[in-house]
PDB file of N, CA and C in Angstrom:
ATOM      1  N   MET A   1       1.679  44.337 -20.155  1.00  0.00           N
ATOM      2  CA  MET A   1       1.585  42.916 -19.897  1.00  0.00           C
ATOM      3  C   MET A   1       0.605  42.686 -18.753  1.00  0.00           C
ATOM      4  N   THR A   2      -0.259  41.685 -18.922  1.00  0.00           N
ATOM      5  CA  THR A   2      -1.238  41.342 -17.902  1.00  0.00           C
ATOM      6  C   THR A   2      -0.646  40.298 -16.970  1.00  0.00           C
ATOM      7  N   LEU A   3      -0.850  40.490 -15.688  1.00  0.00           N
ATOM      8  CA  LEU A   3      -0.349  39.561 -14.687  1.00  0.00           C
ATOM      9  C   LEU A   3      -1.531  38.817 -14.085  1.00  0.00           C
ATOM     10  N   ILE A   4      -1.445  37.502 -14.074  1.00  0.00           N
ATOM     11  CA  ILE A   4      -2.498  36.677 -13.510  1.00  0.00           C
ATOM     12  C   ILE A   4      -1.915  35.858 -12.374  1.00  0.00           C
ATOM     13  N   THR A   5      -2.587  35.896 -11.226  1.00  0.00           N
ATOM     14  CA  THR A   5      -2.170  35.097 -10.083  1.00  0.00           C
ATOM     15  C   THR A   5      -3.162  33.953  -9.913  1.00  0.00           C
ATOM     16  N   ILE A   6      -2.652  32.743  -9.920  1.00  0.00           N
ATOM     17  CA  ILE A   6      -3.501  31.564  -9.763  1.00  0.00           C
ATOM     18  C   ILE A   6      -3.296  31.025  -8.358  1.00  0.00           C
ATOM     19  N   PRO A   7      -4.371  30.926  -7.576  1.00  0.00           N
ATOM     20  CA  PRO A   7      -4.224  30.418  -6.211  1.00  0.00           C
ATOM     21  C   PRO A   7      -3.679  28.988  -6.203  1.00  0.00           C
ATOM     22  N   LYS A   8      -2.852  28.684  -5.229  1.00  0.00           N
ATOM     23  CA  LYS A   8      -2.271  27.343  -5.132  1.00  0.00           C
ATOM     24  C   LYS A   8      -3.340  26.284  -4.921  1.00  0.00           C
ATOM     25  N   LYS A   9      -4.465  26.649  -4.289  1.00  0.00           N
ATOM     26  CA  LYS A   9      -5.538  25.688  -4.038  1.00  0.00           C
ATOM     27  C   LYS A   9      -6.303  25.339  -5.314  1.00  0.00           C
ATOM     28  N   ALA A  10      -6.200  26.165  -6.335  1.00  0.00           N
ATOM     29  CA  ALA A  10      -6.960  25.921  -7.564  1.00  0.00           C
ATOM     30  C   ALA A  10      -6.484  24.646  -8.229  1.00  0.00           C
ATOM     31  N   GLN A  11      -7.422  23.822  -8.612  1.00  0.00           N
ATOM     32  CA  GLN A  11      -7.091  22.589  -9.309  1.00  0.00           C
ATOM     33  C   GLN A  11      -7.110  22.866 -10.800  1.00  0.00           C
ATOM     34  N   ARG A  12      -6.480  22.016 -11.557  1.00  0.00           N
ATOM     35  CA  ARG A  12      -6.378  22.213 -12.995  1.00  0.00           C
ATOM     36  C   ARG A  12      -7.755  22.328 -13.653  1.00  0.00           C
ATOM     37  N   GLU A  13      -8.724  21.518 -13.204  1.00  0.00           N
ATOM     38  CA  GLU A  13     -10.049  21.525 -13.788  1.00  0.00           C
ATOM     39  C   GLU A  13     -10.856  22.764 -13.409  1.00  0.00           C
ATOM     40  N   ASP A  14     -10.399  23.488 -12.375  1.00  0.00           N
ATOM     41  CA  ASP A  14     -11.141  24.642 -11.886  1.00  0.00           C
ATOM     42  C   ASP A  14     -10.803  25.930 -12.621  1.00  0.00           C
ATOM     43  N   LEU A  15      -9.794  25.937 -13.465  1.00  0.00           N
ATOM     44  CA  LEU A  15      -9.330  27.171 -14.087  1.00  0.00           C
ATOM     45  C   LEU A  15      -9.617  27.175 -15.580  1.00  0.00           C
ATOM     46  N   VAL A  16     -10.339  28.224 -16.010  1.00  0.00           N
ATOM     47  CA  VAL A  16     -10.639  28.402 -17.426  1.00  0.00           C
ATOM     48  C   VAL A  16     -10.384  29.860 -17.763  1.00  0.00           C
ATOM     49  N   ILE A  17      -9.652  30.115 -18.834  1.00  0.00           N
ATOM     50  CA  ILE A  17      -9.383  31.490 -19.249  1.00  0.00           C
ATOM     51  C   ILE A  17     -10.018  31.709 -20.615  1.00  0.00           C
ATOM     52  N   ILE A  18     -10.967  32.651 -20.666  1.00  0.00           N
ATOM     53  CA  ILE A  18     -11.630  33.004 -21.920  1.00  0.00           C
ATOM     54  C   ILE A  18     -11.792  34.524 -21.960  1.00  0.00           C
ATOM     55  N   PRO A  19     -11.989  35.089 -23.136  1.00  0.00           N
ATOM     56  CA  PRO A  19     -12.213  36.537 -23.214  1.00  0.00           C
ATOM     57  C   PRO A  19     -13.465  36.944 -22.431  1.00  0.00           C
ATOM     58  N   LYS A  20     -13.446  38.146 -21.881  1.00  0.00           N
ATOM     59  CA  LYS A  20     -14.552  38.622 -21.056  1.00  0.00           C
ATOM     60  C   LYS A  20     -15.866  38.617 -21.826  1.00  0.00           C
ATOM     61  N   SER A  21     -15.843  39.009 -23.096  1.00  0.00           N
ATOM     62  CA  SER A  21     -17.078  39.051 -23.880  1.00  0.00           C
ATOM     63  C   SER A  21     -17.680  37.649 -24.024  1.00  0.00           C
ATOM     64  N   GLU A  22     -16.827  36.643 -24.205  1.00  0.00           N
ATOM     65  CA  GLU A  22     -17.299  35.263 -24.315  1.00  0.00           C
ATOM     66  C   GLU A  22     -17.881  34.793 -22.979  1.00  0.00           C
ATOM     67  N   TYR A  23     -17.218  35.151 -21.892  1.00  0.00           N
ATOM     68  CA  TYR A  23     -17.710  34.796 -20.560  1.00  0.00           C
ATOM     69  C   TYR A  23     -19.084  35.403 -20.317  1.00  0.00           C
ATOM     70  N   GLU A  24     -19.240  36.688 -20.644  1.00  0.00           N
ATOM     71  CA  GLU A  24     -20.520  37.357 -20.433  1.00  0.00           C
ATOM     72  C   GLU A  24     -21.621  36.715 -21.278  1.00  0.00           C
ATOM     73  N   ARG A  25     -21.289  36.289 -22.494  1.00  0.00           N
ATOM     74  CA  ARG A  25     -22.274  35.629 -23.343  1.00  0.00           C
ATOM     75  C   ARG A  25     -22.692  34.292 -22.723  1.00  0.00           C
ATOM     76  N   LEU A  26     -21.712  33.532 -22.220  1.00  0.00           N
ATOM     77  CA  LEU A  26     -22.020  32.241 -21.610  1.00  0.00           C
ATOM     78  C   LEU A  26     -22.850  32.399 -20.339  1.00  0.00           C
ATOM     79  N   VAL A  27     -22.544  33.400 -19.545  1.00  0.00           N
ATOM     80  CA  VAL A  27     -23.273  33.622 -18.298  1.00  0.00           C
ATOM     81  C   VAL A  27     -24.713  34.043 -18.591  1.00  0.00           C
ATOM     82  N   SER A  28     -24.919  34.763 -19.669  1.00  0.00           N
ATOM     83  CA  SER A  28     -26.265  35.243 -19.982  1.00  0.00           C
ATOM     84  C   SER A  28     -27.176  34.139 -20.509  1.00  0.00           C
ATOM     85  N   VAL A  29     -26.603  33.017 -20.936  1.00  0.00           N
ATOM     86  CA  VAL A  29     -27.391  31.903 -21.463  1.00  0.00           C
ATOM     87  C   VAL A  29     -28.075  31.188 -20.309  1.00  0.00           C
ATOM     88  N   LYS A  30     -29.341  30.894 -20.481  1.00  0.00           N
ATOM     89  CA  LYS A  30     -30.077  30.155 -19.453  1.00  0.00           C
ATOM     90  C   LYS A  30     -29.820  28.666 -19.669  1.00  0.00           C
ATOM     91  N   MET A  31     -28.990  28.075 -18.832  1.00  0.00           N
ATOM     92  CA  MET A  31     -28.535  26.705 -19.003  1.00  0.00           C
ATOM     93  C   MET A  31     -29.661  25.663 -19.062  1.00  0.00           C
ATOM     94  N   PRO A  32     -30.648  25.678 -18.191  1.00  0.00           N
ATOM     95  CA  PRO A  32     -31.662  24.619 -18.248  1.00  0.00           C
ATOM     96  C   PRO A  32     -32.405  24.557 -19.581  1.00  0.00           C
ATOM     97  N   ARG A  33     -32.546  25.677 -20.248  1.00  0.00           N
ATOM     98  CA  ARG A  33     -33.232  25.688 -21.536  1.00  0.00           C
ATOM     99  C   ARG A  33     -32.412  25.001 -22.613  1.00  0.00           C
ATOM    100  N   ILE A  34     -31.103  25.100 -22.532  1.00  0.00           N
ATOM    101  CA  ILE A  34     -30.232  24.587 -23.582  1.00  0.00           C
ATOM    102  C   ILE A  34     -29.788  23.156 -23.307  1.00  0.00           C
ATOM    103  N   PHE A  35     -29.362  22.890 -22.099  1.00  0.00           N
ATOM    104  CA  PHE A  35     -28.823  21.582 -21.762  1.00  0.00           C
ATOM    105  C   PHE A  35     -29.759  20.857 -20.810  1.00  0.00           C
ATOM    106  N   LYS A  36     -30.125  19.652 -21.177  1.00  0.00           N
ATOM    107  CA  LYS A  36     -30.962  18.836 -20.320  1.00  0.00           C
ATOM    108  C   LYS A  36     -30.096  17.731 -19.734  1.00  0.00           C
ATOM    109  N   GLU A  37     -30.084  17.623 -18.431  1.00  0.00           N
ATOM    110  CA  GLU A  37     -29.278  16.595 -17.780  1.00  0.00           C
ATOM    111  C   GLU A  37     -30.037  15.276 -17.807  1.00  0.00           C
ATOM    112  N   VAL A  38     -29.343  14.239 -18.215  1.00  0.00           N
ATOM    113  CA  VAL A  38     -29.947  12.917 -18.301  1.00  0.00           C
ATOM    114  C   VAL A  38     -29.126  11.969 -17.434  1.00  0.00           C
ATOM    115  N   SER A  39     -29.805  11.220 -16.582  1.00  0.00           N
ATOM    116  CA  SER A  39     -29.117  10.262 -15.718  1.00  0.00           C
ATOM    117  C   SER A  39     -28.836   8.985 -16.493  1.00  0.00           C
ATOM    118  N   MET A  40     -27.661   8.404 -16.223  1.00  0.00           N
ATOM    119  CA  MET A  40     -27.302   7.144 -16.870  1.00  0.00           C
ATOM    120  C   MET A  40     -27.935   5.979 -16.122  1.00  0.00           C
ATOM    121  N   THR A  41     -28.236   4.928 -16.867  1.00  0.00           N
ATOM    122  CA  THR A  41     -28.712   3.697 -16.240  1.00  0.00           C
ATOM    123  C   THR A  41     -27.515   2.980 -15.632  1.00  0.00           C
ATOM    124  N   LYS A  42     -27.775   1.944 -14.857  1.00  0.00           N
ATOM    125  CA  LYS A  42     -26.699   1.174 -14.238  1.00  0.00           C
ATOM    126  C   LYS A  42     -25.805   0.545 -15.318  1.00  0.00           C
ATOM    127  N   ASN A  43     -26.414   0.002 -16.381  1.00  0.00           N
ATOM    128  CA  ASN A  43     -25.633  -0.600 -17.470  1.00  0.00           C
ATOM    129  C   ASN A  43     -24.778   0.436 -18.185  1.00  0.00           C
ATOM    130  N   GLN A  44     -25.326   1.638 -18.390  1.00  0.00           N
ATOM    131  CA  GLN A  44     -24.562   2.696 -19.038  1.00  0.00           C
ATOM    132  C   GLN A  44     -23.382   3.137 -18.183  1.00  0.00           C
ATOM    133  N   LYS A  45     -23.581   3.211 -16.871  1.00  0.00           N
ATOM    134  CA  LYS A  45     -22.491   3.579 -15.964  1.00  0.00           C
ATOM    135  C   LYS A  45     -21.377   2.539 -16.023  1.00  0.00           C
ATOM    136  N   CYS A  46     -21.746   1.258 -16.033  1.00  0.00           N
ATOM    137  CA  CYS A  46     -20.755   0.183 -16.115  1.00  0.00           C
ATOM    138  C   CYS A  46     -19.977   0.261 -17.428  1.00  0.00           C
ATOM    139  N   ALA A  47     -20.704   0.481 -18.523  1.00  0.00           N
ATOM    140  CA  ALA A  47     -20.058   0.574 -19.832  1.00  0.00           C
ATOM    141  C   ALA A  47     -19.126   1.775 -19.882  1.00  0.00           C
ATOM    142  N   PHE A  48     -19.538   2.891 -19.294  1.00  0.00           N
ATOM    143  CA  PHE A  48     -18.709   4.093 -19.277  1.00  0.00           C
ATOM    144  C   PHE A  48     -17.434   3.864 -18.474  1.00  0.00           C
ATOM    145  N   GLU A  49     -17.554   3.237 -17.316  1.00  0.00           N
ATOM    146  CA  GLU A  49     -16.372   2.940 -16.493  1.00  0.00           C
ATOM    147  C   GLU A  49     -15.427   1.995 -17.231  1.00  0.00           C
ATOM    148  N   ARG A  50     -15.972   0.985 -17.909  1.00  0.00           N
ATOM    149  CA  ARG A  50     -15.154   0.053 -18.691  1.00  0.00           C
ATOM    150  C   ARG A  50     -14.425   0.802 -19.814  1.00  0.00           C
ATOM    151  N   ALA A  51     -15.121   1.724 -20.465  1.00  0.00           N
ATOM    152  CA  ALA A  51     -14.517   2.514 -21.539  1.00  0.00           C
ATOM    153  C   ALA A  51     -13.383   3.389 -20.998  1.00  0.00           C
ATOM    154  N   LYS A  52     -13.577   3.973 -19.822  1.00  0.00           N
ATOM    155  CA  LYS A  52     -12.516   4.803 -19.231  1.00  0.00           C
ATOM    156  C   LYS A  52     -11.285   3.960 -18.905  1.00  0.00           C
ATOM    157  N   ARG A  53     -11.511   2.744 -18.380  1.00  0.00           N
ATOM    158  CA  ARG A  53     -10.379   1.865 -18.076  1.00  0.00           C
ATOM    159  C   ARG A  53      -9.636   1.471 -19.348  1.00  0.00           C
ATOM    160  N   ASN A  54     -10.384   1.117 -20.405  1.00  0.00           N
ATOM    161  CA  ASN A  54      -9.758   0.761 -21.677  1.00  0.00           C
ATOM    162  C   ASN A  54      -8.965   1.923 -22.252  1.00  0.00           C
ATOM    163  N   PHE A  55      -9.508   3.117 -22.171  1.00  0.00           N
ATOM    164  CA  PHE A  55      -8.810   4.293 -22.683  1.00  0.00           C
ATOM    165  C   PHE A  55      -7.513   4.525 -21.917  1.00  0.00           C
ATOM    166  N   ALA A  56      -7.579   4.389 -20.590  1.00  0.00           N
ATOM    167  CA  ALA A  56      -6.393   4.585 -19.757  1.00  0.00           C
ATOM    168  C   ALA A  56      -5.299   3.570 -20.100  1.00  0.00           C
ATOM    169  N   LYS A  57      -5.706   2.358 -20.488  1.00  0.00           N
ATOM    170  CA  LYS A  57      -4.749   1.316 -20.868  1.00  0.00           C
ATOM    171  C   LYS A  57      -4.233   1.491 -22.293  1.00  0.00           C
ATOM    172  N   GLY A  58      -4.867   2.382 -23.053  1.00  0.00           N
ATOM    173  CA  GLY A  58      -4.473   2.570 -24.446  1.00  0.00           C
ATOM    174  C   GLY A  58      -5.217   1.666 -25.401  1.00  0.00           C
ATOM    175  N   ASN A  59      -6.260   1.020 -24.925  1.00  0.00           N
ATOM    176  CA  ASN A  59      -7.068   0.134 -25.764  1.00  0.00           C
ATOM    177  C   ASN A  59      -8.160   0.927 -26.475  1.00  0.00           C
ATOM    178  N   PHE A  60      -7.787   1.594 -27.554  1.00  0.00           N
ATOM    179  CA  PHE A  60      -8.758   2.336 -28.339  1.00  0.00           C
ATOM    180  C   PHE A  60      -8.243   2.476 -29.764  1.00  0.00           C
ATOM    181  N   VAL A  61      -9.124   2.882 -30.660  1.00  0.00           N
ATOM    182  CA  VAL A  61      -8.777   3.072 -32.066  1.00  0.00           C
ATOM    183  C   VAL A  61      -9.074   4.524 -32.417  1.00  0.00           C
ATOM    184  N   THR A  62      -8.129   5.193 -33.061  1.00  0.00           N
ATOM    185  CA  THR A  62      -8.367   6.572 -33.468  1.00  0.00           C
ATOM    186  C   THR A  62      -9.286   6.585 -34.682  1.00  0.00           C
ATOM    187  N   LEU A  63      -9.901   7.708 -34.935  1.00  0.00           N
ATOM    188  CA  LEU A  63     -10.794   7.838 -36.079  1.00  0.00           C
ATOM    189  C   LEU A  63     -10.025   7.649 -37.382  1.00  0.00           C
ATOM    190  N   ASP A  64      -8.818   8.199 -37.470  1.00  0.00           N
ATOM    191  CA  ASP A  64      -7.997   8.036 -38.683  1.00  0.00           C
ATOM    192  C   ASP A  64      -7.673   6.566 -38.935  1.00  0.00           C
ATOM    193  N   ALA A  65      -7.308   5.838 -37.880  1.00  0.00           N
ATOM    194  CA  ALA A  65      -6.988   4.419 -38.032  1.00  0.00           C
ATOM    195  C   ALA A  65      -8.222   3.626 -38.469  1.00  0.00           C
ATOM    196  N   LEU A  66      -9.368   3.971 -37.926  1.00  0.00           N
ATOM    197  CA  LEU A  66     -10.604   3.292 -38.313  1.00  0.00           C
ATOM    198  C   LEU A  66     -10.923   3.553 -39.782  1.00  0.00           C
ATOM    199  N   LYS A  67     -10.780   4.800 -40.228  1.00  0.00           N
ATOM    200  CA  LYS A  67     -11.037   5.140 -41.632  1.00  0.00           C
ATOM    201  C   LYS A  67     -10.105   4.365 -42.557  1.00  0.00           C
ATOM    202  N   ARG A  68      -8.813   4.323 -42.206  1.00  0.00           N
ATOM    203  CA  ARG A  68      -7.837   3.589 -43.034  1.00  0.00           C
ATOM    204  C   ARG A  68      -8.201   2.112 -43.115  1.00  0.00           C
ATOM    205  N   ASP A  69      -8.577   1.539 -41.979  1.00  0.00           N
ATOM    206  CA  ASP A  69      -8.934   0.127 -41.945  1.00  0.00           C
ATOM    207  C   ASP A  69     -10.168  -0.158 -42.792  1.00  0.00           C
ATOM    208  N   LEU A  70     -11.153   0.703 -42.704  1.00  0.00           N
ATOM    209  CA  LEU A  70     -12.379   0.522 -43.493  1.00  0.00           C
ATOM    210  C   LEU A  70     -12.115   0.702 -44.991  1.00  0.00           C
ATOM    211  N   GLU A  71     -11.233   1.630 -45.352  1.00  0.00           N
ATOM    212  CA  GLU A  71     -10.901   1.850 -46.750  1.00  0.00           C
ATOM    213  C   GLU A  71     -10.197   0.631 -47.346  1.00  0.00           C
ATOM    214  N   ARG A  72      -9.353  -0.022 -46.559  1.00  0.00           N
ATOM    215  CA  ARG A  72      -8.649  -1.217 -47.052  1.00  0.00           C
ATOM    216  C   ARG A  72      -9.604  -2.360 -47.336  1.00  0.00           C
ATOM    217  N   ARG A  73     -10.683  -2.440 -46.548  1.00  0.00           N
ATOM    218  CA  ARG A  73     -11.626  -3.538 -46.710  1.00  0.00           C
ATOM    219  C   ARG A  73     -12.532  -3.377 -47.937  1.00  0.00           C
ATOM    220  N   CYS A  74     -12.660  -2.164 -48.447  1.00  0.00           N
ATOM    221  CA  CYS A  74     -13.547  -1.939 -49.592  1.00  0.00           C
ATOM    222  C   CYS A  74     -12.851  -2.153 -50.910  1.00  0.00           C
TER     223      CYS A  74
END
């Protein structure tokens, strides 16, 4: 049995457990070549914050519900 000790200071977002081979593959990838960081405009930031608030309130539609609704209309 493998024993893992997680430091008390570690936050939930800071801990990821993956197989060593997968980790080594990810580390070997040159990130700037694959992922390009794009800055959001002021309007996009506002829309994103509004979307997060709506999601937190439960104001959203699941993909399944949207499909069912669209199927009824046809």
